[in-house]
Amino acid sequence: MKFLGLIDIIAAILLLAIALKADFPTGLAIVFSIILVIKGFIGITFATLIDAGAAIIIILSLFISIPWWICLIFIILIAQKGIITLVSF
């Protein structure tokens, strides 16, 4: 399960790059969006909805400019989820 937490941390870093309008590889965004969507199908909980929302934000950022505050909300949620997963037993 620690691997899933690491995926969340990397997705949070990717969202931070989106919020800061930094350039990032399109392939990386697509791969992490697909991974987050797959994680979202594991079960229907609040945590999986966060994954799905982050995947939508990442995909949309390839086509439109996402406001920084929307990215910030998802950065906090997904980073918190990733950190909790990494430190849990």
N, C-alpha and C. Protein backbone atom coordinates (compact mmCIF):
# COMPACT_ATOMS: atom_id res chain seq x y z
N MET A 1 0.81 -1.20 0.00
CA MET A 1 0.00 0.00 0.00
C MET A 1 0.85 1.27 0.00
N LYS A 2 2.12 1.13 0.42
CA LYS A 2 2.99 2.30 0.43
C LYS A 2 3.21 2.83 -0.99
N PHE A 3 3.16 1.92 -1.98
CA PHE A 3 3.30 2.32 -3.38
C PHE A 3 2.17 3.28 -3.78
N LEU A 4 0.96 3.02 -3.30
CA LEU A 4 -0.17 3.90 -3.62
C LEU A 4 0.01 5.28 -2.99
N GLY A 5 0.61 5.32 -1.81
CA GLY A 5 0.90 6.60 -1.17
C GLY A 5 1.94 7.39 -1.95
N LEU A 6 2.92 6.68 -2.49
CA LEU A 6 3.95 7.33 -3.30
C LEU A 6 3.35 7.90 -4.58
N ILE A 7 2.40 7.18 -5.16
CA ILE A 7 1.71 7.68 -6.36
C ILE A 7 0.96 8.97 -6.01
N ASP A 8 0.32 9.01 -4.85
CA ASP A 8 -0.39 10.23 -4.43
C ASP A 8 0.56 11.40 -4.26
N ILE A 9 1.73 11.17 -3.67
CA ILE A 9 2.71 12.24 -3.48
C ILE A 9 3.19 12.77 -4.83
N ILE A 10 3.48 11.87 -5.76
CA ILE A 10 3.92 12.30 -7.09
C ILE A 10 2.81 13.07 -7.81
N ALA A 11 1.56 12.62 -7.64
CA ALA A 11 0.43 13.34 -8.24
C ALA A 11 0.29 14.73 -7.63
N ALA A 12 0.55 14.86 -6.33
CA ALA A 12 0.50 16.17 -5.69
C ALA A 12 1.59 17.09 -6.24
N ILE A 13 2.77 16.53 -6.48
CA ILE A 13 3.86 17.32 -7.07
C ILE A 13 3.49 17.75 -8.49
N LEU A 14 2.86 16.86 -9.23
CA LEU A 14 2.41 17.21 -10.58
C LEU A 14 1.36 18.31 -10.53
N LEU A 15 0.44 18.23 -9.58
CA LEU A 15 -0.56 19.29 -9.42
C LEU A 15 0.09 20.61 -9.02
N LEU A 16 1.15 20.54 -8.21
CA LEU A 16 1.88 21.76 -7.84
C LEU A 16 2.52 22.39 -9.07
N ALA A 17 3.06 21.55 -9.96
CA ALA A 17 3.64 22.07 -11.21
C ALA A 17 2.56 22.73 -12.06
N ILE A 18 1.37 22.16 -12.05
CA ILE A 18 0.25 22.76 -12.80
C ILE A 18 -0.13 24.10 -12.19
N ALA A 19 -0.19 24.16 -10.86
CA ALA A 19 -0.56 25.41 -10.18
C ALA A 19 0.46 26.51 -10.44
N LEU A 20 1.72 26.13 -10.53
CA LEU A 20 2.79 27.11 -10.76
C LEU A 20 3.02 27.39 -12.24
N LYS A 21 2.20 26.80 -13.10
CA LYS A 21 2.30 26.98 -14.55
C LYS A 21 3.65 26.53 -15.09
N ALA A 22 4.22 25.49 -14.47
CA ALA A 22 5.50 24.94 -14.92
C ALA A 22 5.26 23.96 -16.06
N ASP A 23 6.27 23.79 -16.88
CA ASP A 23 6.18 22.81 -17.96
C ASP A 23 6.44 21.41 -17.39
N PHE A 24 5.68 20.45 -17.87
CA PHE A 24 5.88 19.06 -17.47
C PHE A 24 5.52 18.19 -18.67
N PRO A 25 6.09 17.00 -18.72
CA PRO A 25 5.81 16.12 -19.88
C PRO A 25 4.34 15.71 -19.95
N THR A 26 3.77 15.81 -21.12
CA THR A 26 2.37 15.44 -21.31
C THR A 26 2.15 13.96 -21.02
N GLY A 27 3.11 13.14 -21.40
CA GLY A 27 3.00 11.70 -21.15
C GLY A 27 2.90 11.39 -19.67
N LEU A 28 3.67 12.13 -18.86
CA LEU A 28 3.62 11.94 -17.41
C LEU A 28 2.24 12.26 -16.86
N ALA A 29 1.65 13.34 -17.36
CA ALA A 29 0.32 13.73 -16.91
C ALA A 29 -0.71 12.67 -17.29
N ILE A 30 -0.60 12.15 -18.48
CA ILE A 30 -1.56 11.13 -18.93
C ILE A 30 -1.40 9.84 -18.12
N VAL A 31 -0.16 9.42 -17.90
CA VAL A 31 0.09 8.18 -17.14
C VAL A 31 -0.46 8.31 -15.72
N PHE A 32 -0.16 9.41 -15.05
CA PHE A 32 -0.64 9.56 -13.68
C PHE A 32 -2.16 9.74 -13.61
N SER A 33 -2.74 10.33 -14.61
CA SER A 33 -4.20 10.43 -14.64
C SER A 33 -4.83 9.05 -14.77
N ILE A 34 -4.26 8.23 -15.63
CA ILE A 34 -4.78 6.86 -15.79
C ILE A 34 -4.62 6.07 -14.50
N ILE A 35 -3.47 6.20 -13.85
CA ILE A 35 -3.24 5.50 -12.59
C ILE A 35 -4.23 5.96 -11.54
N LEU A 36 -4.48 7.27 -11.45
CA LEU A 36 -5.42 7.78 -10.46
C LEU A 36 -6.85 7.32 -10.74
N VAL A 37 -7.21 7.24 -12.01
CA VAL A 37 -8.55 6.75 -12.35
C VAL A 37 -8.68 5.28 -11.97
N ILE A 38 -7.65 4.49 -12.23
CA ILE A 38 -7.68 3.08 -11.84
C ILE A 38 -7.79 2.95 -10.33
N LYS A 39 -7.01 3.77 -9.60
CA LYS A 39 -7.14 3.76 -8.13
C LYS A 39 -8.54 4.15 -7.70
N GLY A 40 -9.17 5.02 -8.46
CA GLY A 40 -10.52 5.45 -8.14
C GLY A 40 -11.56 4.36 -8.27
N PHE A 41 -11.26 3.34 -9.08
CA PHE A 41 -12.19 2.23 -9.25
C PHE A 41 -12.04 1.15 -8.18
N ILE A 42 -11.06 1.30 -7.29
CA ILE A 42 -10.86 0.31 -6.24
C ILE A 42 -12.08 0.25 -5.32
N GLY A 43 -12.66 1.36 -5.03
CA GLY A 43 -13.85 1.43 -4.20
C GLY A 43 -14.40 2.83 -4.24
N ILE A 44 -15.63 2.98 -3.86
CA ILE A 44 -16.24 4.31 -3.86
C ILE A 44 -16.20 4.86 -2.43
N THR A 45 -15.18 5.64 -2.16
CA THR A 45 -15.04 6.33 -0.88
C THR A 45 -14.64 7.77 -1.16
N PHE A 46 -14.53 8.56 -0.12
CA PHE A 46 -14.09 9.94 -0.30
C PHE A 46 -12.68 9.99 -0.87
N ALA A 47 -11.83 9.06 -0.42
CA ALA A 47 -10.44 9.03 -0.90
C ALA A 47 -10.37 8.74 -2.40
N THR A 48 -11.21 7.84 -2.88
CA THR A 48 -11.18 7.54 -4.32
C THR A 48 -11.78 8.68 -5.13
N LEU A 49 -12.69 9.42 -4.54
CA LEU A 49 -13.22 10.59 -5.23
C LEU A 49 -12.15 11.67 -5.37
N ILE A 50 -11.26 11.77 -4.37
CA ILE A 50 -10.13 12.70 -4.46
C ILE A 50 -9.23 12.29 -5.62
N ASP A 51 -8.96 10.98 -5.75
CA ASP A 51 -8.14 10.50 -6.86
C ASP A 51 -8.77 10.85 -8.20
N ALA A 52 -10.06 10.60 -8.33
CA ALA A 52 -10.76 10.89 -9.58
C ALA A 52 -10.74 12.38 -9.88
N GLY A 53 -10.97 13.21 -8.85
CA GLY A 53 -10.94 14.66 -9.05
C GLY A 53 -9.57 15.15 -9.48
N ALA A 54 -8.52 14.60 -8.87
CA ALA A 54 -7.16 15.00 -9.25
C ALA A 54 -6.86 14.58 -10.68
N ALA A 55 -7.33 13.40 -11.07
CA ALA A 55 -7.11 12.94 -12.45
C ALA A 55 -7.82 13.87 -13.43
N ILE A 56 -9.03 14.29 -13.10
CA ILE A 56 -9.76 15.21 -13.97
C ILE A 56 -9.03 16.54 -14.10
N ILE A 57 -8.53 17.05 -12.97
CA ILE A 57 -7.79 18.32 -12.99
C ILE A 57 -6.54 18.20 -13.85
N ILE A 58 -5.81 17.09 -13.72
CA ILE A 58 -4.58 16.90 -14.49
C ILE A 58 -4.90 16.83 -15.98
N ILE A 59 -5.92 16.07 -16.35
CA ILE A 59 -6.30 15.97 -17.77
C ILE A 59 -6.77 17.32 -18.30
N LEU A 60 -7.62 18.01 -17.54
CA LEU A 60 -8.10 19.32 -18.00
C LEU A 60 -6.97 20.32 -18.17
N SER A 61 -5.93 20.20 -17.34
CA SER A 61 -4.82 21.15 -17.42
C SER A 61 -4.06 21.04 -18.74
N LEU A 62 -4.22 19.92 -19.43
CA LEU A 62 -3.57 19.78 -20.74
C LEU A 62 -4.26 20.64 -21.79
N PHE A 63 -5.52 21.00 -21.54
CA PHE A 63 -6.30 21.74 -22.54
C PHE A 63 -6.65 23.16 -22.13
N ILE A 64 -6.87 23.38 -20.83
CA ILE A 64 -7.25 24.71 -20.35
C ILE A 64 -6.38 25.07 -19.15
N SER A 65 -6.39 26.34 -18.80
CA SER A 65 -5.66 26.81 -17.63
C SER A 65 -6.54 26.64 -16.39
N ILE A 66 -6.03 25.90 -15.42
CA ILE A 66 -6.76 25.63 -14.18
C ILE A 66 -6.36 26.69 -13.15
N PRO A 67 -7.33 27.31 -12.47
CA PRO A 67 -6.99 28.29 -11.42
C PRO A 67 -6.14 27.65 -10.32
N TRP A 68 -5.19 28.42 -9.81
CA TRP A 68 -4.25 27.89 -8.82
C TRP A 68 -4.95 27.42 -7.56
N TRP A 69 -6.05 28.06 -7.17
CA TRP A 69 -6.70 27.69 -5.91
C TRP A 69 -7.41 26.34 -6.02
N ILE A 70 -7.86 25.97 -7.21
CA ILE A 70 -8.44 24.64 -7.39
C ILE A 70 -7.33 23.59 -7.26
N CYS A 71 -6.19 23.87 -7.87
CA CYS A 71 -5.05 22.96 -7.75
C CYS A 71 -4.61 22.84 -6.30
N LEU A 72 -4.60 23.96 -5.58
CA LEU A 72 -4.18 23.96 -4.18
C LEU A 72 -5.07 23.06 -3.33
N ILE A 73 -6.37 23.10 -3.55
CA ILE A 73 -7.29 22.24 -2.81
C ILE A 73 -6.94 20.78 -3.03
N PHE A 74 -6.74 20.40 -4.29
CA PHE A 74 -6.41 19.00 -4.59
C PHE A 74 -5.00 18.64 -4.15
N ILE A 75 -4.07 19.59 -4.17
CA ILE A 75 -2.72 19.33 -3.67
C ILE A 75 -2.78 18.96 -2.20
N ILE A 76 -3.50 19.75 -1.42
CA ILE A 76 -3.60 19.48 0.02
C ILE A 76 -4.27 18.14 0.27
N LEU A 77 -5.37 17.87 -0.42
CA LEU A 77 -6.10 16.63 -0.18
C LEU A 77 -5.30 15.40 -0.58
N ILE A 78 -4.72 15.42 -1.76
CA ILE A 78 -4.02 14.22 -2.23
C ILE A 78 -2.67 14.04 -1.55
N ALA A 79 -1.99 15.13 -1.21
CA ALA A 79 -0.72 15.02 -0.48
C ALA A 79 -0.97 14.49 0.93
N GLN A 80 -2.02 14.96 1.57
CA GLN A 80 -2.37 14.47 2.91
C GLN A 80 -2.68 12.97 2.85
N LYS A 81 -3.43 12.57 1.86
CA LYS A 81 -3.77 11.16 1.70
C LYS A 81 -2.52 10.33 1.45
N GLY A 82 -1.60 10.83 0.64
CA GLY A 82 -0.36 10.12 0.37
C GLY A 82 0.54 10.00 1.58
N ILE A 83 0.66 11.07 2.34
CA ILE A 83 1.49 11.05 3.55
C ILE A 83 0.93 10.09 4.58
N ILE A 84 -0.39 10.12 4.77
CA ILE A 84 -1.02 9.21 5.73
C ILE A 84 -0.79 7.76 5.30
N THR A 85 -0.90 7.48 4.01
CA THR A 85 -0.67 6.13 3.51
C THR A 85 0.77 5.71 3.72
N LEU A 86 1.71 6.63 3.52
CA LEU A 86 3.14 6.28 3.69
C LEU A 86 3.51 6.01 5.13
N VAL A 87 2.91 6.72 6.08
CA VAL A 87 3.31 6.54 7.48
C VAL A 87 2.45 5.50 8.21
N SER A 88 1.40 5.01 7.58
CA SER A 88 0.57 4.00 8.24
C SER A 88 1.27 2.65 8.19
N PHE A 89 0.84 1.78 9.04
CA PHE A 89 1.46 0.45 9.13
C PHE A 89 0.90 -0.49 8.14
